[in-house]
Amino acid sequence: MLKVENLKKNFGTFTAVKGISFTVEKGEVLGFLGPNGAGKSTTMRMITGFLTPSSGTAVICGHDITQDPVAAKACIGYLPESAPSYRAMTVEDFLLFAAKMRGYAGAEAKAKTDAVIEKARLADVRRQTIDTLSKGYRQRTCFAQAILHDPQVLIMDEPTDGLDPNQKFVVREMIREMAADKAIIISTHILEEVDAVCTRAIVIAGGEIKADGTPEELRKLDESGKLDVVFRKLTMGKEA
């Protein structure tokens, strides 16, 4: 459902992404794992068409993002890091606006809005303005916008960053519920996120892919000394 082919991005003399390639199939939740500055967000922005690659491309559901961007973007749901919204709007009005921007109208737009409010657990705050919401509810409102058109490919950049444990749990449950029918990419620098929701992970550093496999396979690489990745489990706030 998603094929990334030799994506590269230069900013002047600096190469942020150095020609990476990978695929994501239906039913996969891919963790795009790496430290801040590794090239994760730049890659996401190229896949979704927000940045033009210096070379390479991404093919989404058969549509090349550089050659047929409108058709490719119609297949994508995108939750950027620190997702923007119109904070003077209520949750319901913002999502109804997003539905109309997606081409829905009348009863269909209302039905899409109602469905996504239920899916994102936003019923209790649907008539609140976005600027009155907690960070977790704001994140879920933007998450709802990303899935409103039931995209085949869902791309999320740091979807639980800064959320409290309860909010993280809700967002992860939402991801699990949708995973079987979509190809999902989650960009994160949090190792816990990979264990919690991902079926596969790519480790990126310095704009290059360093490893690609299941969380268990990455642990084995770590144990063999081929990959320097540390997985930690927190118990009652202490490292175990």
C-alpha atoms as a PDB file:
ATOM      1  CA  MET A   1       0.000   0.000   0.000  1.00  0.00           C
ATOM      2  CA  LEU A   2       3.003   2.266   0.478  1.00  0.00           C
ATOM      3  CA  LYS A   3       6.323   2.013  -1.328  1.00  0.00           C
ATOM      4  CA  VAL A   4       9.150   4.443  -0.600  1.00  0.00           C
ATOM      5  CA  GLU A   5      11.822   4.448  -3.292  1.00  0.00           C
ATOM      6  CA  ASN A   6      15.245   5.961  -2.642  1.00  0.00           C
ATOM      7  CA  LEU A   7      13.930   9.139  -0.990  1.00  0.00           C
ATOM      8  CA  LYS A   8      16.545  11.828  -0.549  1.00  0.00           C
ATOM      9  CA  LYS A   9      16.311  15.390   0.730  1.00  0.00           C
ATOM     10  CA  ASN A  10      18.950  18.101   0.637  1.00  0.00           C
ATOM     11  CA  PHE A  11      18.757  21.446   2.396  1.00  0.00           C
ATOM     12  CA  GLY A  12      21.554  23.371   0.745  1.00  0.00           C
ATOM     13  CA  THR A  13      24.723  21.398   1.377  1.00  0.00           C
ATOM     14  CA  PHE A  14      23.123  19.383   4.196  1.00  0.00           C
ATOM     15  CA  THR A  15      21.589  16.007   3.339  1.00  0.00           C
ATOM     16  CA  ALA A  16      18.802  15.295   5.828  1.00  0.00           C
ATOM     17  CA  VAL A  17      17.600  12.032   4.221  1.00  0.00           C
ATOM     18  CA  LYS A  18      20.115   9.943   2.315  1.00  0.00           C
ATOM     19  CA  GLY A  19      18.163   7.767  -0.094  1.00  0.00           C
ATOM     20  CA  ILE A  20      15.942   5.481   1.974  1.00  0.00           C
ATOM     21  CA  SER A  21      13.603   2.760   0.693  1.00  0.00           C
ATOM     22  CA  PHE A  22      10.963   0.594   2.386  1.00  0.00           C
ATOM     23  CA  THR A  23       7.434  -0.759   1.936  1.00  0.00           C
ATOM     24  CA  VAL A  24       4.429  -0.974   4.250  1.00  0.00           C
ATOM     25  CA  GLU A  25       1.659  -3.489   3.642  1.00  0.00           C
ATOM     26  CA  LYS A  26      -1.983  -3.547   4.721  1.00  0.00           C
ATOM     27  CA  GLY A  27      -2.233  -4.660   8.356  1.00  0.00           C
ATOM     28  CA  GLU A  28       1.253  -3.441   9.272  1.00  0.00           C
ATOM     29  CA  VAL A  29       1.948  -0.817  11.925  1.00  0.00           C
ATOM     30  CA  LEU A  30       5.456   0.399  11.198  1.00  0.00           C
ATOM     31  CA  GLY A  31       7.364   2.239  13.886  1.00  0.00           C
ATOM     32  CA  PHE A  32       9.730   4.792  12.379  1.00  0.00           C
ATOM     33  CA  LEU A  33      12.185   4.964  15.241  1.00  0.00           C
ATOM     34  CA  GLY A  34      15.115   7.294  15.766  1.00  0.00           C
ATOM     35  CA  PRO A  35      16.497  10.188  17.792  1.00  0.00           C
ATOM     36  CA  ASN A  36      15.474  13.793  17.212  1.00  0.00           C
ATOM     37  CA  GLY A  37      17.110  15.044  14.017  1.00  0.00           C
ATOM     38  CA  ALA A  38      17.369  11.563  12.473  1.00  0.00           C
ATOM     39  CA  GLY A  39      15.270  12.488   9.422  1.00  0.00           C
ATOM     40  CA  LYS A  40      11.937  11.012  10.506  1.00  0.00           C
ATOM     41  CA  SER A  41       9.743  14.084  10.080  1.00  0.00           C
ATOM     42  CA  THR A  42      11.449  15.069   6.815  1.00  0.00           C
ATOM     43  CA  THR A  43      10.698  11.606   5.425  1.00  0.00           C
ATOM     44  CA  MET A  44       7.061  11.835   6.555  1.00  0.00           C
ATOM     45  CA  ARG A  45       6.680  15.218   4.885  1.00  0.00           C
ATOM     46  CA  MET A  46       8.060  13.904   1.608  1.00  0.00           C
ATOM     47  CA  ILE A  47       5.775  10.859   1.659  1.00  0.00           C
ATOM     48  CA  THR A  48       2.715  13.056   2.259  1.00  0.00           C
ATOM     49  CA  GLY A  49       3.690  15.643  -0.361  1.00  0.00           C
ATOM     50  CA  PHE A  50       4.421  18.526   2.009  1.00  0.00           C
ATOM     51  CA  LEU A  51       8.077  18.507   0.931  1.00  0.00           C
ATOM     52  CA  THR A  52       9.373  17.814  -2.568  1.00  0.00           C
ATOM     53  CA  PRO A  53      12.108  15.135  -2.563  1.00  0.00           C
ATOM     54  CA  SER A  54      15.504  16.017  -3.970  1.00  0.00           C
ATOM     55  CA  SER A  55      15.315  12.582  -5.586  1.00  0.00           C
ATOM     56  CA  GLY A  56      13.275   9.406  -5.244  1.00  0.00           C
ATOM     57  CA  THR A  57       9.545   9.134  -4.642  1.00  0.00           C
ATOM     58  CA  ALA A  58       6.763   7.466  -2.660  1.00  0.00           C
ATOM     59  CA  VAL A  59       3.937   5.455  -4.212  1.00  0.00           C
ATOM     60  CA  ILE A  60       0.701   5.389  -2.203  1.00  0.00           C
ATOM     61  CA  CYS A  61      -1.946   2.855  -3.274  1.00  0.00           C
ATOM     62  CA  GLY A  62      -0.446   2.908  -6.776  1.00  0.00           C
ATOM     63  CA  HIS A  63      -0.218   6.712  -7.047  1.00  0.00           C
ATOM     64  CA  ASP A  64       3.167   8.427  -7.270  1.00  0.00           C
ATOM     65  CA  ILE A  65       3.248  11.390  -4.868  1.00  0.00           C
ATOM     66  CA  THR A  66       5.452  13.394  -7.248  1.00  0.00           C
ATOM     67  CA  GLN A  67       3.512  12.575 -10.441  1.00  0.00           C
ATOM     68  CA  ASP A  68      -0.089  12.292  -9.198  1.00  0.00           C
ATOM     69  CA  PRO A  69      -0.179  14.105  -5.839  1.00  0.00           C
ATOM     70  CA  VAL A  70      -3.960  14.669  -5.644  1.00  0.00           C
ATOM     71  CA  ALA A  71      -4.800  10.972  -6.028  1.00  0.00           C
ATOM     72  CA  ALA A  72      -1.966   9.968  -3.671  1.00  0.00           C
ATOM     73  CA  LYS A  73      -3.028  12.419  -0.951  1.00  0.00           C
ATOM     74  CA  ALA A  74      -6.641  11.211  -1.166  1.00  0.00           C
ATOM     75  CA  CYS A  75      -5.389   7.850   0.146  1.00  0.00           C
ATOM     76  CA  ILE A  76      -3.446   9.364   3.067  1.00  0.00           C
ATOM     77  CA  GLY A  77      -4.451  10.405   6.558  1.00  0.00           C
ATOM     78  CA  TYR A  78      -1.749  12.588   8.100  1.00  0.00           C
ATOM     79  CA  LEU A  79      -1.256  13.615  11.719  1.00  0.00           C
ATOM     80  CA  PRO A  80       1.783  15.921  11.829  1.00  0.00           C
ATOM     81  CA  GLU A  81       3.752  16.633  14.972  1.00  0.00           C
ATOM     82  CA  SER A  82       2.083  19.427  16.998  1.00  0.00           C
ATOM     83  CA  ALA A  83      -0.872  19.202  14.617  1.00  0.00           C
ATOM     84  CA  PRO A  84      -2.484  22.565  13.841  1.00  0.00           C
ATOM     85  CA  SER A  85      -6.196  23.308  14.188  1.00  0.00           C
ATOM     86  CA  TYR A  86      -8.599  26.242  14.319  1.00  0.00           C
ATOM     87  CA  ARG A  87      -8.810  26.677  18.075  1.00  0.00           C
ATOM     88  CA  ALA A  88     -11.744  29.102  18.041  1.00  0.00           C
ATOM     89  CA  MET A  89     -13.891  26.357  16.483  1.00  0.00           C
ATOM     90  CA  THR A  90     -15.683  23.691  18.460  1.00  0.00           C
ATOM     91  CA  VAL A  91     -14.528  20.112  17.971  1.00  0.00           C
ATOM     92  CA  GLU A  92     -17.671  19.330  15.984  1.00  0.00           C
ATOM     93  CA  ASP A  93     -17.392  22.409  13.747  1.00  0.00           C
ATOM     94  CA  PHE A  94     -13.709  21.769  13.046  1.00  0.00           C
ATOM     95  CA  LEU A  95     -14.359  18.175  12.014  1.00  0.00           C
ATOM     96  CA  LEU A  96     -17.375  19.201   9.932  1.00  0.00           C
ATOM     97  CA  PHE A  97     -15.148  21.766   8.202  1.00  0.00           C
ATOM     98  CA  ALA A  98     -12.554  19.028   7.567  1.00  0.00           C
ATOM     99  CA  ALA A  99     -15.282  16.788   6.117  1.00  0.00           C
ATOM    100  CA  LYS A 100     -16.365  19.524   3.699  1.00  0.00           C
ATOM    101  CA  MET A 101     -12.751  20.132   2.691  1.00  0.00           C
ATOM    102  CA  ARG A 102     -12.581  16.417   1.856  1.00  0.00           C
ATOM    103  CA  GLY A 103     -15.519  16.826  -0.509  1.00  0.00           C
ATOM    104  CA  TYR A 104     -18.377  15.620   1.687  1.00  0.00           C
ATOM    105  CA  ALA A 105     -21.556  17.683   1.988  1.00  0.00           C
ATOM    106  CA  GLY A 106     -24.897  17.759   3.783  1.00  0.00           C
ATOM    107  CA  ALA A 107     -25.975  14.606   5.588  1.00  0.00           C
ATOM    108  CA  GLU A 108     -22.882  12.708   4.482  1.00  0.00           C
ATOM    109  CA  ALA A 109     -20.545  15.305   6.037  1.00  0.00           C
ATOM    110  CA  LYS A 110     -22.573  15.175   9.260  1.00  0.00           C
ATOM    111  CA  ALA A 111     -22.483  11.371   9.302  1.00  0.00           C
ATOM    112  CA  LYS A 112     -18.700  11.323   8.747  1.00  0.00           C
ATOM    113  CA  THR A 113     -18.255  13.852  11.559  1.00  0.00           C
ATOM    114  CA  ASP A 114     -20.458  11.918  13.998  1.00  0.00           C
ATOM    115  CA  ALA A 115     -18.701   8.650  13.207  1.00  0.00           C
ATOM    116  CA  VAL A 116     -15.209  10.007  13.757  1.00  0.00           C
ATOM    117  CA  ILE A 117     -16.222  11.767  17.006  1.00  0.00           C
ATOM    118  CA  GLU A 118     -17.349   8.405  18.329  1.00  0.00           C
ATOM    119  CA  LYS A 119     -14.242   6.600  17.085  1.00  0.00           C
ATOM    120  CA  ALA A 120     -11.899   9.170  18.666  1.00  0.00           C
ATOM    121  CA  ARG A 121     -13.849   9.236  21.969  1.00  0.00           C
ATOM    122  CA  LEU A 122     -14.663  12.932  21.626  1.00  0.00           C
ATOM    123  CA  ALA A 123     -18.402  12.893  22.418  1.00  0.00           C
ATOM    124  CA  ASP A 124     -17.959  14.574  25.808  1.00  0.00           C
ATOM    125  CA  VAL A 125     -16.140  17.557  24.286  1.00  0.00           C
ATOM    126  CA  ARG A 126     -17.738  17.825  20.842  1.00  0.00           C
ATOM    127  CA  ARG A 127     -19.251  21.256  21.563  1.00  0.00           C
ATOM    128  CA  GLN A 128     -16.221  22.699  23.355  1.00  0.00           C
ATOM    129  CA  THR A 129     -13.897  25.077  21.547  1.00  0.00           C
ATOM    130  CA  ILE A 130     -10.548  23.502  20.789  1.00  0.00           C
ATOM    131  CA  ASP A 131      -8.632  26.131  22.773  1.00  0.00           C
ATOM    132  CA  THR A 132     -10.358  24.940  25.980  1.00  0.00           C
ATOM    133  CA  LEU A 133      -9.252  21.319  25.549  1.00  0.00           C
ATOM    134  CA  SER A 134      -6.373  19.495  27.211  1.00  0.00           C
ATOM    135  CA  LYS A 135      -3.423  18.551  25.012  1.00  0.00           C
ATOM    136  CA  GLY A 136      -4.691  14.983  24.833  1.00  0.00           C
ATOM    137  CA  TYR A 137      -8.118  15.993  23.565  1.00  0.00           C
ATOM    138  CA  ARG A 138      -6.576  18.427  21.064  1.00  0.00           C
ATOM    139  CA  GLN A 139      -4.369  15.607  19.778  1.00  0.00           C
ATOM    140  CA  ARG A 140      -7.357  13.292  19.452  1.00  0.00           C
ATOM    141  CA  THR A 141      -9.304  15.992  17.593  1.00  0.00           C
ATOM    142  CA  CYS A 142      -6.495  16.255  15.048  1.00  0.00           C
ATOM    143  CA  PHE A 143      -6.286  12.446  14.958  1.00  0.00           C
ATOM    144  CA  ALA A 144     -10.017  12.391  14.138  1.00  0.00           C
ATOM    145  CA  GLN A 145      -9.407  14.839  11.267  1.00  0.00           C
ATOM    146  CA  ALA A 146      -6.717  12.502   9.892  1.00  0.00           C
ATOM    147  CA  ILE A 147      -9.016   9.450   9.790  1.00  0.00           C
ATOM    148  CA  LEU A 148     -12.271  11.181   8.837  1.00  0.00           C
ATOM    149  CA  HIS A 149     -12.133  10.010   5.202  1.00  0.00           C
ATOM    150  CA  ASP A 150     -11.129   6.440   6.232  1.00  0.00           C
ATOM    151  CA  PRO A 151      -7.721   6.574   4.503  1.00  0.00           C
ATOM    152  CA  GLN A 152      -5.941   3.413   3.427  1.00  0.00           C
ATOM    153  CA  VAL A 153      -2.572   4.776   4.597  1.00  0.00           C
ATOM    154  CA  LEU A 154      -2.257   6.557   7.952  1.00  0.00           C
ATOM    155  CA  ILE A 155       0.903   8.495   8.805  1.00  0.00           C
ATOM    156  CA  MET A 156       1.416   9.911  12.303  1.00  0.00           C
ATOM    157  CA  ASP A 157       4.359  11.955  13.520  1.00  0.00           C
ATOM    158  CA  GLU A 158       4.904  11.561  17.300  1.00  0.00           C
ATOM    159  CA  PRO A 159       1.181  10.875  17.974  1.00  0.00           C
ATOM    160  CA  THR A 160       1.535  10.451  21.761  1.00  0.00           C
ATOM    161  CA  ASP A 161       4.388  12.853  22.492  1.00  0.00           C
ATOM    162  CA  GLY A 162       3.679  14.878  25.633  1.00  0.00           C
ATOM    163  CA  LEU A 163       0.481  13.029  26.540  1.00  0.00           C
ATOM    164  CA  ASP A 164      -0.206  11.624  29.997  1.00  0.00           C
ATOM    165  CA  PRO A 165      -0.393   7.807  30.418  1.00  0.00           C
ATOM    166  CA  ASN A 166      -4.192   7.688  30.155  1.00  0.00           C
ATOM    167  CA  GLN A 167      -4.239   9.719  26.949  1.00  0.00           C
ATOM    168  CA  LYS A 168      -1.443   7.597  25.472  1.00  0.00           C
ATOM    169  CA  PHE A 169      -3.468   4.476  26.233  1.00  0.00           C
ATOM    170  CA  VAL A 170      -6.530   5.875  24.408  1.00  0.00           C
ATOM    171  CA  VAL A 171      -4.542   6.893  21.320  1.00  0.00           C
ATOM    172  CA  ARG A 172      -2.804   3.507  21.163  1.00  0.00           C
ATOM    173  CA  GLU A 173      -6.144   1.709  21.464  1.00  0.00           C
ATOM    174  CA  MET A 174      -7.460   3.765  18.545  1.00  0.00           C
ATOM    175  CA  ILE A 175      -4.442   2.769  16.453  1.00  0.00           C
ATOM    176  CA  ARG A 176      -4.865  -0.921  17.277  1.00  0.00           C
ATOM    177  CA  GLU A 177      -8.551  -0.823  16.338  1.00  0.00           C
ATOM    178  CA  MET A 178      -7.739   0.449  12.839  1.00  0.00           C
ATOM    179  CA  ALA A 179      -4.568  -1.531  12.192  1.00  0.00           C
ATOM    180  CA  ALA A 180      -6.057  -4.523  10.366  1.00  0.00           C
ATOM    181  CA  ASP A 181      -7.499  -2.449   7.516  1.00  0.00           C
ATOM    182  CA  LYS A 182      -4.720   0.076   6.949  1.00  0.00           C
ATOM    183  CA  ALA A 183      -1.016   0.549   6.422  1.00  0.00           C
ATOM    184  CA  ILE A 184       0.136   2.693   9.358  1.00  0.00           C
ATOM    185  CA  ILE A 185       3.406   4.512  10.028  1.00  0.00           C
ATOM    186  CA  ILE A 186       4.176   5.987  13.442  1.00  0.00           C
ATOM    187  CA  SER A 187       7.213   8.217  13.737  1.00  0.00           C
ATOM    188  CA  THR A 188       8.588   8.212  17.271  1.00  0.00           C
ATOM    189  CA  HIS A 189      11.718   8.537  19.357  1.00  0.00           C
ATOM    190  CA  ILE A 190      10.017   6.633  22.210  1.00  0.00           C
ATOM    191  CA  LEU A 191      11.023   2.961  22.307  1.00  0.00           C
ATOM    192  CA  GLU A 192       7.988   2.126  24.446  1.00  0.00           C
ATOM    193  CA  GLU A 193       5.741   3.120  21.540  1.00  0.00           C
ATOM    194  CA  VAL A 194       7.203   0.408  19.311  1.00  0.00           C
ATOM    195  CA  ASP A 195       6.451  -2.336  21.825  1.00  0.00           C
ATOM    196  CA  ALA A 196       2.981  -0.947  22.497  1.00  0.00           C
ATOM    197  CA  VAL A 197       1.528  -0.811  18.975  1.00  0.00           C
ATOM    198  CA  CYS A 198       4.000  -1.686  16.216  1.00  0.00           C
ATOM    199  CA  THR A 199       4.293  -4.956  14.320  1.00  0.00           C
ATOM    200  CA  ARG A 200       7.560  -3.812  12.712  1.00  0.00           C
ATOM    201  CA  ALA A 201      10.129  -1.091  13.206  1.00  0.00           C
ATOM    202  CA  ILE A 202      12.675   0.771  11.138  1.00  0.00           C
ATOM    203  CA  VAL A 203      15.560   2.423  12.957  1.00  0.00           C
ATOM    204  CA  ILE A 204      16.795   5.590  11.249  1.00  0.00           C
ATOM    205  CA  ALA A 205      19.784   7.722  12.219  1.00  0.00           C
ATOM    206  CA  GLY A 206      21.674  10.358  10.273  1.00  0.00           C
ATOM    207  CA  GLY A 207      19.129  10.141   7.465  1.00  0.00           C
ATOM    208  CA  GLU A 208      19.827   6.426   6.839  1.00  0.00           C
ATOM    209  CA  ILE A 209      18.043   3.197   7.740  1.00  0.00           C
ATOM    210  CA  LYS A 210      20.116   1.245  10.260  1.00  0.00           C
ATOM    211  CA  ALA A 211      17.762  -1.696  10.902  1.00  0.00           C
ATOM    212  CA  ASP A 212      14.377  -3.053   9.787  1.00  0.00           C
ATOM    213  CA  GLY A 213      12.469  -5.827  11.564  1.00  0.00           C
ATOM    214  CA  THR A 214      10.003  -6.766  14.259  1.00  0.00           C
ATOM    215  CA  PRO A 215      10.625  -5.461  17.797  1.00  0.00           C
ATOM    216  CA  GLU A 216      11.804  -8.962  18.741  1.00  0.00           C
ATOM    217  CA  GLU A 217      14.230  -9.092  15.814  1.00  0.00           C
ATOM    218  CA  LEU A 218      15.662  -5.732  16.834  1.00  0.00           C
ATOM    219  CA  ARG A 219      16.230  -7.059  20.347  1.00  0.00           C
ATOM    220  CA  LYS A 220      18.146 -10.002  18.903  1.00  0.00           C
ATOM    221  CA  LEU A 221      20.309  -7.646  16.857  1.00  0.00           C
ATOM    222  CA  ASP A 222      20.968  -5.678  20.017  1.00  0.00           C
ATOM    223  CA  GLU A 223      21.968  -8.834  21.910  1.00  0.00           C
ATOM    224  CA  SER A 224      24.324  -9.892  19.111  1.00  0.00           C
ATOM    225  CA  GLY A 225      26.076  -6.531  19.220  1.00  0.00           C
ATOM    226  CA  LYS A 226      25.050  -5.568  15.689  1.00  0.00           C
ATOM    227  CA  LEU A 227      22.693  -2.797  16.753  1.00  0.00           C
ATOM    228  CA  ASP A 228      22.989  -0.396  19.639  1.00  0.00           C
ATOM    229  CA  VAL A 229      19.337  -0.079  20.662  1.00  0.00           C
ATOM    230  CA  VAL A 230      18.238  -0.273  24.299  1.00  0.00           C
ATOM    231  CA  PHE A 231      14.696  -1.296  25.261  1.00  0.00           C
ATOM    232  CA  ARG A 232      13.667  -0.385  28.780  1.00  0.00           C
ATOM    233  CA  LYS A 233      10.595  -1.263  30.803  1.00  0.00           C
ATOM    234  CA  LEU A 234       9.356   1.192  33.410  1.00  0.00           C
ATOM    235  CA  THR A 235       7.801  -0.220  36.584  1.00  0.00           C
ATOM    236  CA  MET A 236       6.211   2.231  39.033  1.00  0.00           C
ATOM    237  CA  GLY A 237       8.322   5.029  37.608  1.00  0.00           C
ATOM    238  CA  LYS A 238      11.572   3.080  38.014  1.00  0.00           C
ATOM    239  CA  GLU A 239      13.667   1.355  35.412  1.00  0.00           C
ATOM    240  CA  ALA A 240      13.514  -2.443  35.548  1.00  0.00           C
END
